[in-house]
Amino acid sequence: MCSIDYAFRRIGGKYKARILLYLHRNEVLRYGELRRSVIDITPKMLTQSLRELEEDELVHRKVYKEMPPRVEYTLTKMGAKMIPFIKLLREWGDQQMEKGKMPSIAPQETDHCC
């Protein structure tokens, strides 16, 4: 397997890189906070993406044994190492979208996309 293909499988897809960026910006987020941040994600896709990121050791999931249950997500050290590359991809994407006059899912000023 090509190492580039392997890396893109870990962070590829529509939501994983955005989830990693939101966790980087906020340090700790609960499920509901992530759901509100990733504006176009379904609960099923968020759960699936978080599980895959956790399995790949990019995100840490901490469950508090209290009622009601509380779960927090944070970046792991390995996940934090991905942030500079994700930011570069975002910059490239911004430039290409601007060049092609493609609309973003959110205004740049509000930065809700990622």
Protein backbone atom coordinates (compact mmCIF):
# COMPACT_ATOMS: atom_id res chain seq x y z
CA MET A 1 0.00 0.00 0.00
CA CYS A 2 1.18 3.51 -0.77
CA SER A 3 1.76 5.58 2.36
CA ILE A 4 -0.06 8.54 0.80
CA ASP A 5 -3.14 6.39 0.17
CA TYR A 6 -2.92 5.11 3.74
CA ALA A 7 -2.78 8.67 5.14
CA PHE A 8 -5.75 9.84 3.08
CA ARG A 9 -7.78 6.84 4.21
CA ARG A 10 -7.18 7.89 7.82
CA ILE A 11 -8.21 11.55 7.39
CA GLY A 12 -10.04 11.43 4.06
CA GLY A 13 -13.73 11.74 3.54
CA LYS A 14 -16.00 14.67 3.93
CA TYR A 15 -15.83 15.18 7.69
CA LYS A 16 -12.72 13.77 9.38
CA ALA A 17 -10.34 16.64 8.68
CA ARG A 18 -12.98 19.15 9.77
CA ILE A 19 -13.56 17.26 13.02
CA LEU A 20 -9.82 17.25 13.68
CA LEU A 21 -9.63 21.02 13.06
CA TYR A 22 -12.55 21.74 15.39
CA LEU A 23 -10.94 19.65 18.12
CA HIS A 24 -7.65 21.44 17.56
CA ARG A 25 -9.31 24.85 17.93
CA ASN A 26 -11.37 23.95 20.98
CA GLU A 27 -9.13 21.35 22.68
CA VAL A 28 -12.12 19.48 24.17
CA LEU A 29 -15.55 19.04 22.61
CA ARG A 30 -18.58 17.00 23.51
CA TYR A 31 -20.64 15.17 20.90
CA GLY A 32 -23.34 17.83 20.75
CA GLU A 33 -20.77 20.59 20.33
CA LEU A 34 -19.20 18.71 17.43
CA ARG A 35 -22.61 18.15 15.89
CA ARG A 36 -23.31 21.88 15.95
CA SER A 37 -19.84 22.68 14.58
CA VAL A 38 -19.97 20.36 11.57
CA ILE A 39 -23.07 21.95 10.10
CA ASP A 40 -23.90 19.39 7.40
CA ILE A 41 -23.18 16.10 9.20
CA THR A 42 -25.77 13.54 10.26
CA PRO A 43 -25.61 11.94 13.72
CA LYS A 44 -24.79 8.58 12.09
CA MET A 45 -21.87 10.03 10.09
CA LEU A 46 -20.52 11.92 13.09
CA THR A 47 -20.58 8.78 15.21
CA GLN A 48 -18.94 6.73 12.46
CA SER A 49 -16.27 9.35 11.79
CA LEU A 50 -15.46 9.72 15.49
CA ARG A 51 -15.17 5.94 15.90
CA GLU A 52 -12.80 5.69 12.94
CA LEU A 53 -10.70 8.60 14.18
CA GLU A 54 -10.53 6.96 17.60
CA GLU A 55 -9.54 3.59 16.09
CA ASP A 56 -6.79 5.35 14.13
CA GLU A 57 -5.60 6.97 17.39
CA LEU A 58 -6.16 10.49 16.10
CA VAL A 59 -8.93 11.29 18.61
CA HIS A 60 -9.28 10.32 22.25
CA ARG A 61 -12.74 9.61 23.67
CA LYS A 62 -13.18 10.03 27.43
CA VAL A 63 -16.36 8.73 29.06
CA TYR A 64 -17.31 10.08 32.48
CA LYS A 65 -19.27 7.67 34.64
CA GLU A 66 -21.98 10.04 35.78
CA MET A 67 -25.66 10.56 35.12
CA PRO A 68 -26.40 11.63 32.51
CA PRO A 69 -23.29 10.17 30.83
CA ARG A 70 -20.78 12.69 29.54
CA VAL A 71 -18.33 12.01 26.71
CA GLU A 72 -15.53 14.34 25.67
CA TYR A 73 -13.33 14.20 22.58
CA THR A 74 -9.78 15.53 22.29
CA LEU A 75 -6.96 15.25 19.78
CA THR A 76 -4.21 12.79 20.48
CA LYS A 77 -0.57 13.71 19.86
CA MET A 78 -0.78 11.86 16.56
CA GLY A 79 -3.95 13.77 15.64
CA ALA A 80 -2.26 17.08 16.46
CA LYS A 81 0.56 16.19 14.06
CA MET A 82 -2.00 16.13 11.23
CA ILE A 83 -3.18 19.72 11.78
CA PRO A 84 -0.44 21.53 9.79
CA PHE A 85 -1.12 19.30 6.78
CA ILE A 86 -4.88 19.77 7.05
CA LYS A 87 -4.39 23.54 7.20
CA LEU A 88 -2.24 23.41 4.04
CA LEU A 89 -4.93 21.38 2.27
CA ARG A 90 -7.54 23.91 3.38
CA GLU A 91 -5.49 26.82 2.05
CA TRP A 92 -5.03 25.03 -1.26
CA GLY A 93 -8.75 24.26 -1.40
CA ASP A 94 -9.64 27.89 -0.61
CA GLN A 95 -7.40 29.09 -3.44
CA GLN A 96 -8.82 26.61 -5.93
CA MET A 97 -12.41 27.37 -4.98
CA GLU A 98 -11.79 31.10 -5.26
CA LYS A 99 -10.08 30.61 -8.62
CA GLY A 100 -13.02 28.56 -9.88
CA LYS A 101 -15.54 30.92 -8.26
CA MET A 102 -17.02 28.00 -6.33
CA PRO A 103 -19.26 28.81 -3.33
CA SER A 104 -18.22 27.66 0.12
CA ILE A 105 -20.65 25.93 2.50
CA ALA A 106 -20.20 28.89 4.84
CA PRO A 107 -18.97 32.48 4.52
CA GLN A 108 -15.20 32.79 5.00
CA GLU A 109 -15.63 35.47 7.67
CA THR A 110 -17.57 33.16 10.00
CA ASP A 111 -15.19 30.24 9.41
CA HIS A 112 -17.89 27.62 10.06
CA CYS A 113 -16.67 25.39 7.27
CA CYS A 114 -13.47 24.29 8.92
